[in-house]
Amino acid sequence: MTGTKKDGLYLYALVEHNGEIPTGITGVEGEPLFSLPYRNLSAIVHACPLTPYASDDQTVVTGWVLSHEQVLERLIGLGMNTIPFTFDTIIKPEKERDATAVLTGWLSNEYEIFLQKFEKIRMKKEYGVQIFVHRQKIQDTITATNDFIKRLEAQAKTSGPGKKYMIQQQLEKEVKVAMDAEIAGIISEITRKIQKYCDEIRMGKLKKGQVPERDMILNCSCLVTEENYEKLGAVLEEIEREGDLSVRFTGPWAVYSFV
């Protein structure tokens, strides 16, 4: 994007800080950052073209995203209460207003909402919690301990082809129902244990292929105070020790999920 007219503002974050940020902080493609103050908060931006950052080279894109996240980490590291924005958030001119006027107008219109968001996330950080189970082991336990399923298995062994097929269909259904109930119980119990240390929990989509031979059954983001961070970690360690579960505890992250 070098040499392109820079009529836009690339927005990284809003911070509770009405003043200049330390010099030398750079963002995507090394662009120098500056703050655009409004009352007791500031938008952290750099001047940019109006077209989004785009490249067919995934390495380049990954570098851009990493630079964006590093800016957020730097702001948080400076102790600023920070509302993050996603990569490639670009403020553009509208009608007779330049990008600065558009952004200032938006801050004015949404000021009270932003104050509420700042209050919600004050002294808190986002952490990720993912739980994985060995599904085959759960199924093996169910088939070994569920009396009704054991009876169906016994009937299937002594039945003719037609009836055996019908029993096997019922058996698959019963195993699935029992598996779903067992996993729902695990999720409910884990959520009960961790929620006392989280101001808020947001559930995310389950992902495949994260841990060999295990399935993700819980993927959530947790808004946590510094005081409760270690307590949450201790509970997750206990969960992993007590059951045949794998736990992934990540962060802290910028609080994307809660603003």
C-alpha atoms as a PDB file:
ATOM      1  CA  MET A   1       0.000   0.000   0.000  1.00  0.00           C
ATOM      2  CA  THR A   2       3.053   2.258  -0.044  1.00  0.00           C
ATOM      3  CA  GLY A   3       2.491   5.409  -2.090  1.00  0.00           C
ATOM      4  CA  THR A   4      -1.308   5.214  -2.002  1.00  0.00           C
ATOM      5  CA  LYS A   5      -3.300   8.225  -0.848  1.00  0.00           C
ATOM      6  CA  LYS A   6      -4.177   7.799   2.830  1.00  0.00           C
ATOM      7  CA  ASP A   7      -7.628   9.277   3.374  1.00  0.00           C
ATOM      8  CA  GLY A   8      -8.795   6.581   5.801  1.00  0.00           C
ATOM      9  CA  LEU A   9      -8.080   5.741   9.415  1.00  0.00           C
ATOM     10  CA  TYR A  10      -7.201   2.202  10.398  1.00  0.00           C
ATOM     11  CA  LEU A  11      -8.752   1.652  13.845  1.00  0.00           C
ATOM     12  CA  TYR A  12      -7.021  -0.631  16.362  1.00  0.00           C
ATOM     13  CA  ALA A  13      -8.774   0.176  19.598  1.00  0.00           C
ATOM     14  CA  LEU A  14     -10.475   2.650  21.881  1.00  0.00           C
ATOM     15  CA  VAL A  15      -8.733   3.312  25.169  1.00  0.00           C
ATOM     16  CA  GLU A  16      -9.616   5.153  28.361  1.00  0.00           C
ATOM     17  CA  HIS A  17      -6.806   7.618  27.903  1.00  0.00           C
ATOM     18  CA  ASN A  18      -7.163  11.173  26.670  1.00  0.00           C
ATOM     19  CA  GLY A  19      -3.720  12.014  25.435  1.00  0.00           C
ATOM     20  CA  GLU A  20      -0.801  10.974  23.317  1.00  0.00           C
ATOM     21  CA  ILE A  21       0.426   7.398  23.275  1.00  0.00           C
ATOM     22  CA  PRO A  22       4.160   6.691  23.654  1.00  0.00           C
ATOM     23  CA  THR A  23       6.153   7.479  20.523  1.00  0.00           C
ATOM     24  CA  GLY A  24       7.634   4.683  18.456  1.00  0.00           C
ATOM     25  CA  ILE A  25       4.617   2.343  18.509  1.00  0.00           C
ATOM     26  CA  THR A  26       3.975   1.095  15.001  1.00  0.00           C
ATOM     27  CA  GLY A  27       1.230  -1.033  13.525  1.00  0.00           C
ATOM     28  CA  VAL A  28       0.452  -2.893  10.318  1.00  0.00           C
ATOM     29  CA  GLU A  29       3.288  -2.492   7.786  1.00  0.00           C
ATOM     30  CA  GLY A  30       5.173  -0.397  10.328  1.00  0.00           C
ATOM     31  CA  GLU A  31       2.742   2.514  10.120  1.00  0.00           C
ATOM     32  CA  PRO A  32       3.165   5.026  12.965  1.00  0.00           C
ATOM     33  CA  LEU A  33       0.223   5.153  15.334  1.00  0.00           C
ATOM     34  CA  PHE A  34      -1.433   8.207  16.854  1.00  0.00           C
ATOM     35  CA  SER A  35      -4.374   8.848  19.143  1.00  0.00           C
ATOM     36  CA  LEU A  36      -7.533  10.703  18.264  1.00  0.00           C
ATOM     37  CA  PRO A  37      -8.920  11.951  21.601  1.00  0.00           C
ATOM     38  CA  TYR A  38     -12.559  12.472  22.469  1.00  0.00           C
ATOM     39  CA  ARG A  39     -13.409  13.544  26.030  1.00  0.00           C
ATOM     40  CA  ASN A  40     -11.827  10.932  28.343  1.00  0.00           C
ATOM     41  CA  LEU A  41     -11.068   8.319  25.675  1.00  0.00           C
ATOM     42  CA  SER A  42      -9.006   8.019  22.517  1.00  0.00           C
ATOM     43  CA  ALA A  43      -9.110   6.073  19.286  1.00  0.00           C
ATOM     44  CA  ILE A  44      -5.778   4.483  18.353  1.00  0.00           C
ATOM     45  CA  VAL A  45      -5.304   4.699  14.598  1.00  0.00           C
ATOM     46  CA  HIS A  46      -2.955   5.056  11.678  1.00  0.00           C
ATOM     47  CA  ALA A  47      -3.571   6.856   8.395  1.00  0.00           C
ATOM     48  CA  CYS A  48      -4.360   4.401   5.593  1.00  0.00           C
ATOM     49  CA  PRO A  49      -5.815   4.066   2.105  1.00  0.00           C
ATOM     50  CA  LEU A  50      -9.553   3.399   1.799  1.00  0.00           C
ATOM     51  CA  THR A  51      -9.042  -0.086   0.345  1.00  0.00           C
ATOM     52  CA  PRO A  52      -8.751  -3.045   2.759  1.00  0.00           C
ATOM     53  CA  TYR A  53      -5.443  -4.800   3.317  1.00  0.00           C
ATOM     54  CA  ALA A  54      -5.428  -7.788   0.975  1.00  0.00           C
ATOM     55  CA  SER A  55      -2.837 -10.256  -0.304  1.00  0.00           C
ATOM     56  CA  ASP A  56      -2.775 -13.694  -1.933  1.00  0.00           C
ATOM     57  CA  ASP A  57       0.258 -14.481   0.216  1.00  0.00           C
ATOM     58  CA  GLN A  58      -0.996 -15.971   3.491  1.00  0.00           C
ATOM     59  CA  THR A  59       2.339 -15.244   5.135  1.00  0.00           C
ATOM     60  CA  VAL A  60       1.852 -11.544   4.456  1.00  0.00           C
ATOM     61  CA  VAL A  61      -1.702 -11.596   5.821  1.00  0.00           C
ATOM     62  CA  THR A  62      -0.559 -13.470   8.928  1.00  0.00           C
ATOM     63  CA  GLY A  63       2.109 -10.823   9.480  1.00  0.00           C
ATOM     64  CA  TRP A  64      -0.454  -8.040   9.236  1.00  0.00           C
ATOM     65  CA  VAL A  65      -2.780  -9.733  11.732  1.00  0.00           C
ATOM     66  CA  LEU A  66       0.124 -10.369  14.104  1.00  0.00           C
ATOM     67  CA  SER A  67       1.120  -6.692  13.932  1.00  0.00           C
ATOM     68  CA  HIS A  68      -2.462  -5.711  14.733  1.00  0.00           C
ATOM     69  CA  GLU A  69      -2.559  -7.998  17.781  1.00  0.00           C
ATOM     70  CA  GLN A  70       0.825  -6.746  18.961  1.00  0.00           C
ATOM     71  CA  VAL A  71      -0.528  -3.198  19.054  1.00  0.00           C
ATOM     72  CA  LEU A  72      -3.386  -4.358  21.296  1.00  0.00           C
ATOM     73  CA  GLU A  73      -0.946  -6.233  23.539  1.00  0.00           C
ATOM     74  CA  ARG A  74       1.198  -3.107  23.818  1.00  0.00           C
ATOM     75  CA  LEU A  75      -1.781  -0.930  24.778  1.00  0.00           C
ATOM     76  CA  ILE A  76      -2.951  -3.432  27.380  1.00  0.00           C
ATOM     77  CA  GLY A  77       0.613  -3.752  28.642  1.00  0.00           C
ATOM     78  CA  LEU A  78       0.655   0.016  29.189  1.00  0.00           C
ATOM     79  CA  GLY A  79      -2.257  -0.469  31.593  1.00  0.00           C
ATOM     80  CA  MET A  80      -4.889   1.041  29.307  1.00  0.00           C
ATOM     81  CA  ASN A  81      -8.475  -0.189  29.496  1.00  0.00           C
ATOM     82  CA  THR A  82      -8.856  -1.274  25.878  1.00  0.00           C
ATOM     83  CA  ILE A  83     -11.775  -2.001  23.555  1.00  0.00           C
ATOM     84  CA  PRO A  84     -10.232  -3.864  20.602  1.00  0.00           C
ATOM     85  CA  PHE A  85     -11.355  -3.784  16.981  1.00  0.00           C
ATOM     86  CA  THR A  86     -10.760  -6.542  14.461  1.00  0.00           C
ATOM     87  CA  PHE A  87      -8.093  -6.496  11.771  1.00  0.00           C
ATOM     88  CA  ASP A  88      -8.887  -4.236   8.792  1.00  0.00           C
ATOM     89  CA  THR A  89     -11.382  -1.938  10.515  1.00  0.00           C
ATOM     90  CA  ILE A  90     -11.096   1.178   8.350  1.00  0.00           C
ATOM     91  CA  ILE A  91     -12.924   4.458   8.928  1.00  0.00           C
ATOM     92  CA  LYS A  92     -13.725   6.172   5.626  1.00  0.00           C
ATOM     93  CA  PRO A  93     -14.797   9.713   4.699  1.00  0.00           C
ATOM     94  CA  GLU A  94     -18.539  10.280   4.292  1.00  0.00           C
ATOM     95  CA  LYS A  95     -20.045  13.026   2.136  1.00  0.00           C
ATOM     96  CA  GLU A  96     -18.397  16.275   3.223  1.00  0.00           C
ATOM     97  CA  ARG A  97     -16.690  14.818   6.333  1.00  0.00           C
ATOM     98  CA  ASP A  98     -13.161  13.424   6.355  1.00  0.00           C
ATOM     99  CA  ALA A  99     -12.331  10.202   8.237  1.00  0.00           C
ATOM    100  CA  THR A 100     -11.339  12.095  11.391  1.00  0.00           C
ATOM    101  CA  ALA A 101     -14.702  13.877  11.494  1.00  0.00           C
ATOM    102  CA  VAL A 102     -16.550  10.606  10.859  1.00  0.00           C
ATOM    103  CA  LEU A 103     -14.696   8.840  13.673  1.00  0.00           C
ATOM    104  CA  THR A 104     -15.156  11.756  16.087  1.00  0.00           C
ATOM    105  CA  GLY A 105     -18.864  11.873  15.264  1.00  0.00           C
ATOM    106  CA  TRP A 106     -19.190   8.156  15.913  1.00  0.00           C
ATOM    107  CA  LEU A 107     -17.405   8.487  19.264  1.00  0.00           C
ATOM    108  CA  SER A 108     -19.785  11.299  20.177  1.00  0.00           C
ATOM    109  CA  ASN A 109     -22.910   9.338  19.219  1.00  0.00           C
ATOM    110  CA  GLU A 110     -21.816   6.112  20.965  1.00  0.00           C
ATOM    111  CA  TYR A 111     -20.006   7.699  23.896  1.00  0.00           C
ATOM    112  CA  GLU A 112     -22.333   6.442  26.647  1.00  0.00           C
ATOM    113  CA  ILE A 113     -22.317   2.920  25.191  1.00  0.00           C
ATOM    114  CA  PHE A 114     -18.528   2.899  25.135  1.00  0.00           C
ATOM    115  CA  LEU A 115     -18.437   4.046  28.762  1.00  0.00           C
ATOM    116  CA  GLN A 116     -20.615   1.064  29.699  1.00  0.00           C
ATOM    117  CA  LYS A 117     -18.323  -1.294  27.812  1.00  0.00           C
ATOM    118  CA  PHE A 118     -15.234   0.147  29.470  1.00  0.00           C
ATOM    119  CA  GLU A 119     -16.838  -0.335  32.874  1.00  0.00           C
ATOM    120  CA  LYS A 120     -17.733  -3.946  32.018  1.00  0.00           C
ATOM    121  CA  ILE A 121     -14.161  -4.910  31.079  1.00  0.00           C
ATOM    122  CA  ARG A 122     -12.286  -2.795  33.625  1.00  0.00           C
ATOM    123  CA  MET A 123      -9.424  -4.783  35.245  1.00  0.00           C
ATOM    124  CA  LYS A 124     -10.474  -7.913  33.342  1.00  0.00           C
ATOM    125  CA  LYS A 125      -8.986 -10.003  30.543  1.00  0.00           C
ATOM    126  CA  GLU A 126     -10.249 -12.645  28.155  1.00  0.00           C
ATOM    127  CA  TYR A 127      -9.133 -16.259  28.423  1.00  0.00           C
ATOM    128  CA  GLY A 128      -9.987 -19.283  26.308  1.00  0.00           C
ATOM    129  CA  VAL A 129     -11.073 -22.630  27.762  1.00  0.00           C
ATOM    130  CA  GLN A 130     -11.315 -25.730  25.596  1.00  0.00           C
ATOM    131  CA  ILE A 131     -12.202 -29.218  26.824  1.00  0.00           C
ATOM    132  CA  PHE A 132     -11.505 -32.425  24.890  1.00  0.00           C
ATOM    133  CA  VAL A 133     -12.741 -35.987  25.502  1.00  0.00           C
ATOM    134  CA  HIS A 134     -11.748 -39.400  24.210  1.00  0.00           C
ATOM    135  CA  ARG A 135     -15.138 -40.249  22.716  1.00  0.00           C
ATOM    136  CA  GLN A 136     -14.363 -43.943  22.203  1.00  0.00           C
ATOM    137  CA  LYS A 137     -13.486 -44.383  25.869  1.00  0.00           C
ATOM    138  CA  ILE A 138     -16.789 -42.806  26.899  1.00  0.00           C
ATOM    139  CA  GLN A 139     -18.638 -45.099  24.519  1.00  0.00           C
ATOM    140  CA  ASP A 140     -16.797 -48.155  25.832  1.00  0.00           C
ATOM    141  CA  THR A 141     -17.741 -47.219  29.403  1.00  0.00           C
ATOM    142  CA  ILE A 142     -21.384 -46.737  28.438  1.00  0.00           C
ATOM    143  CA  THR A 143     -21.649 -50.064  26.629  1.00  0.00           C
ATOM    144  CA  ALA A 144     -19.988 -51.815  29.579  1.00  0.00           C
ATOM    145  CA  THR A 145     -22.191 -50.278  32.278  1.00  0.00           C
ATOM    146  CA  ASN A 146     -25.584 -49.485  30.715  1.00  0.00           C
ATOM    147  CA  ASP A 147     -27.848 -52.460  31.465  1.00  0.00           C
ATOM    148  CA  PHE A 148     -30.338 -51.731  28.685  1.00  0.00           C
ATOM    149  CA  ILE A 149     -27.588 -51.457  26.072  1.00  0.00           C
ATOM    150  CA  LYS A 150     -26.021 -54.693  27.336  1.00  0.00           C
ATOM    151  CA  ARG A 151     -29.370 -56.467  26.948  1.00  0.00           C
ATOM    152  CA  LEU A 152     -29.720 -55.201  23.386  1.00  0.00           C
ATOM    153  CA  GLU A 153     -26.218 -56.439  22.569  1.00  0.00           C
ATOM    154  CA  ALA A 154     -27.080 -59.872  23.994  1.00  0.00           C
ATOM    155  CA  GLN A 155     -30.299 -60.014  21.960  1.00  0.00           C
ATOM    156  CA  ALA A 156     -28.461 -59.059  18.769  1.00  0.00           C
ATOM    157  CA  LYS A 157     -26.055 -61.980  19.181  1.00  0.00           C
ATOM    158  CA  THR A 158     -28.878 -64.568  19.326  1.00  0.00           C
ATOM    159  CA  SER A 159     -31.276 -63.067  16.743  1.00  0.00           C
ATOM    160  CA  GLY A 160     -31.711 -63.857  13.083  1.00  0.00           C
ATOM    161  CA  PRO A 161     -30.489 -61.443  10.371  1.00  0.00           C
ATOM    162  CA  GLY A 162     -33.697 -59.375  10.111  1.00  0.00           C
ATOM    163  CA  LYS A 163     -34.263 -58.901  13.823  1.00  0.00           C
ATOM    164  CA  LYS A 164     -30.535 -58.457  14.412  1.00  0.00           C
ATOM    165  CA  TYR A 165     -30.495 -55.524  11.999  1.00  0.00           C
ATOM    166  CA  MET A 166     -33.431 -53.893  13.801  1.00  0.00           C
ATOM    167  CA  ILE A 167     -31.757 -54.372  17.181  1.00  0.00           C
ATOM    168  CA  GLN A 168     -28.477 -52.957  15.915  1.00  0.00           C
ATOM    169  CA  GLN A 169     -30.283 -49.847  14.665  1.00  0.00           C
ATOM    170  CA  GLN A 170     -31.885 -49.396  18.089  1.00  0.00           C
ATOM    171  CA  LEU A 171     -28.555 -50.103  19.754  1.00  0.00           C
ATOM    172  CA  GLU A 172     -26.812 -47.338  17.785  1.00  0.00           C
ATOM    173  CA  LYS A 173     -29.584 -44.912  18.711  1.00  0.00           C
ATOM    174  CA  GLU A 174     -29.431 -45.810  22.423  1.00  0.00           C
ATOM    175  CA  VAL A 175     -25.639 -45.479  22.506  1.00  0.00           C
ATOM    176  CA  LYS A 176     -25.839 -42.050  20.845  1.00  0.00           C
ATOM    177  CA  VAL A 177     -28.499 -40.851  23.290  1.00  0.00           C
ATOM    178  CA  ALA A 178     -26.437 -42.095  26.246  1.00  0.00           C
ATOM    179  CA  MET A 179     -23.256 -40.505  24.813  1.00  0.00           C
ATOM    180  CA  ASP A 180     -24.971 -37.158  24.275  1.00  0.00           C
ATOM    181  CA  ALA A 181     -26.353 -37.233  27.811  1.00  0.00           C
ATOM    182  CA  GLU A 182     -22.961 -38.117  29.306  1.00  0.00           C
ATOM    183  CA  ILE A 183     -21.172 -35.337  27.399  1.00  0.00           C
ATOM    184  CA  ALA A 184     -23.917 -32.822  28.264  1.00  0.00           C
ATOM    185  CA  GLY A 185     -23.415 -33.756  31.904  1.00  0.00           C
ATOM    186  CA  ILE A 186     -19.657 -33.233  31.646  1.00  0.00           C
ATOM    187  CA  ILE A 187     -20.154 -29.809  30.013  1.00  0.00           C
ATOM    188  CA  SER A 188     -22.712 -28.780  32.643  1.00  0.00           C
ATOM    189  CA  GLU A 189     -20.439 -29.803  35.511  1.00  0.00           C
ATOM    190  CA  ILE A 190     -17.387 -28.045  34.059  1.00  0.00           C
ATOM    191  CA  THR A 191     -19.387 -24.881  33.400  1.00  0.00           C
ATOM    192  CA  ARG A 192     -20.701 -24.945  36.971  1.00  0.00           C
ATOM    193  CA  LYS A 193     -17.166 -25.217  38.341  1.00  0.00           C
ATOM    194  CA  ILE A 194     -15.621 -22.423  36.270  1.00  0.00           C
ATOM    195  CA  GLN A 195     -18.430 -19.880  36.164  1.00  0.00           C
ATOM    196  CA  LYS A 196     -17.875 -18.737  39.761  1.00  0.00           C
ATOM    197  CA  TYR A 197     -14.457 -17.405  38.669  1.00  0.00           C
ATOM    198  CA  CYS A 198     -15.715 -15.737  35.476  1.00  0.00           C
ATOM    199  CA  ASP A 199     -17.616 -12.476  35.193  1.00  0.00           C
ATOM    200  CA  GLU A 200     -19.035 -13.756  31.929  1.00  0.00           C
ATOM    201  CA  ILE A 201     -18.721 -16.811  29.672  1.00  0.00           C
ATOM    202  CA  ARG A 202     -19.323 -16.843  25.917  1.00  0.00           C
ATOM    203  CA  MET A 203     -19.665 -20.170  24.132  1.00  0.00           C
ATOM    204  CA  GLY A 204     -17.851 -20.622  20.816  1.00  0.00           C
ATOM    205  CA  LYS A 205     -18.032 -23.092  17.968  1.00  0.00           C
ATOM    206  CA  LEU A 206     -16.534 -26.543  18.421  1.00  0.00           C
ATOM    207  CA  LYS A 207     -13.494 -27.264  16.247  1.00  0.00           C
ATOM    208  CA  LYS A 208     -12.273 -30.549  14.857  1.00  0.00           C
ATOM    209  CA  GLY A 209      -8.734 -31.892  14.691  1.00  0.00           C
ATOM    210  CA  GLN A 210      -7.332 -29.848  17.565  1.00  0.00           C
ATOM    211  CA  VAL A 211      -6.090 -32.798  19.668  1.00  0.00           C
ATOM    212  CA  PRO A 212      -5.321 -36.282  18.208  1.00  0.00           C
ATOM    213  CA  GLU A 213      -7.963 -38.935  19.017  1.00  0.00           C
ATOM    214  CA  ARG A 214     -10.014 -36.488  21.054  1.00  0.00           C
ATOM    215  CA  ASP A 215     -13.102 -34.411  20.341  1.00  0.00           C
ATOM    216  CA  MET A 216     -13.671 -30.862  21.519  1.00  0.00           C
ATOM    217  CA  ILE A 217     -16.840 -30.682  23.618  1.00  0.00           C
ATOM    218  CA  LEU A 218     -16.456 -27.188  25.059  1.00  0.00           C
ATOM    219  CA  ASN A 219     -14.994 -24.032  23.569  1.00  0.00           C
ATOM    220  CA  CYS A 220     -15.625 -20.864  25.504  1.00  0.00           C
ATOM    221  CA  SER A 221     -14.233 -17.411  26.193  1.00  0.00           C
ATOM    222  CA  CYS A 222     -14.103 -16.228  29.792  1.00  0.00           C
ATOM    223  CA  LEU A 223     -13.981 -12.677  31.101  1.00  0.00           C
ATOM    224  CA  VAL A 224     -11.820 -12.916  34.214  1.00  0.00           C
ATOM    225  CA  THR A 225     -10.355 -10.547  36.793  1.00  0.00           C
ATOM    226  CA  GLU A 226      -6.686 -10.760  37.716  1.00  0.00           C
ATOM    227  CA  GLU A 227      -7.771 -11.945  41.161  1.00  0.00           C
ATOM    228  CA  ASN A 228      -9.664 -14.933  39.721  1.00  0.00           C
ATOM    229  CA  TYR A 229      -7.219 -15.899  36.968  1.00  0.00           C
ATOM    230  CA  GLU A 230      -5.140 -18.226  39.151  1.00  0.00           C
ATOM    231  CA  LYS A 231      -8.270 -19.688  40.771  1.00  0.00           C
ATOM    232  CA  LEU A 232      -9.716 -20.513  37.366  1.00  0.00           C
ATOM    233  CA  GLY A 233      -6.440 -22.121  36.313  1.00  0.00           C
ATOM    234  CA  ALA A 234      -6.382 -24.234  39.479  1.00  0.00           C
ATOM    235  CA  VAL A 235      -9.928 -25.472  38.873  1.00  0.00           C
ATOM    236  CA  LEU A 236      -9.071 -26.434  35.292  1.00  0.00           C
ATOM    237  CA  GLU A 237      -6.002 -28.344  36.486  1.00  0.00           C
ATOM    238  CA  GLU A 238      -8.213 -30.204  38.951  1.00  0.00           C
ATOM    239  CA  ILE A 239     -10.725 -31.030  36.201  1.00  0.00           C
ATOM    240  CA  GLU A 240      -7.954 -32.483  34.054  1.00  0.00           C
ATOM    241  CA  ARG A 241      -6.537 -34.544  36.924  1.00  0.00           C
ATOM    242  CA  GLU A 242      -9.874 -35.988  38.053  1.00  0.00           C
ATOM    243  CA  GLY A 243     -11.306 -37.089  34.717  1.00  0.00           C
ATOM    244  CA  ASP A 244     -10.212 -38.467  31.369  1.00  0.00           C
ATOM    245  CA  LEU A 245     -10.278 -34.995  29.865  1.00  0.00           C
ATOM    246  CA  SER A 246      -7.785 -32.726  28.127  1.00  0.00           C
ATOM    247  CA  VAL A 247      -7.927 -29.034  29.000  1.00  0.00           C
ATOM    248  CA  ARG A 248      -6.517 -26.135  27.003  1.00  0.00           C
ATOM    249  CA  PHE A 249      -6.351 -22.804  28.883  1.00  0.00           C
ATOM    250  CA  THR A 250      -5.134 -19.873  26.773  1.00  0.00           C
ATOM    251  CA  GLY A 251      -4.711 -16.142  27.110  1.00  0.00           C
ATOM    252  CA  PRO A 252      -4.864 -13.470  28.158  1.00  0.00           C
ATOM    253  CA  TRP A 253      -6.355 -12.038  24.974  1.00  0.00           C
ATOM    254  CA  ALA A 254      -7.853  -8.719  24.017  1.00  0.00           C
ATOM    255  CA  VAL A 255     -11.513  -8.812  25.071  1.00  0.00           C
ATOM    256  CA  TYR A 256     -13.019  -9.244  21.595  1.00  0.00           C
ATOM    257  CA  SER A 257     -15.776 -11.579  22.842  1.00  0.00           C
ATOM    258  CA  PHE A 258     -17.196  -9.173  25.411  1.00  0.00           C
ATOM    259  CA  VAL A 259     -17.437  -5.800  23.683  1.00  0.00           C
END
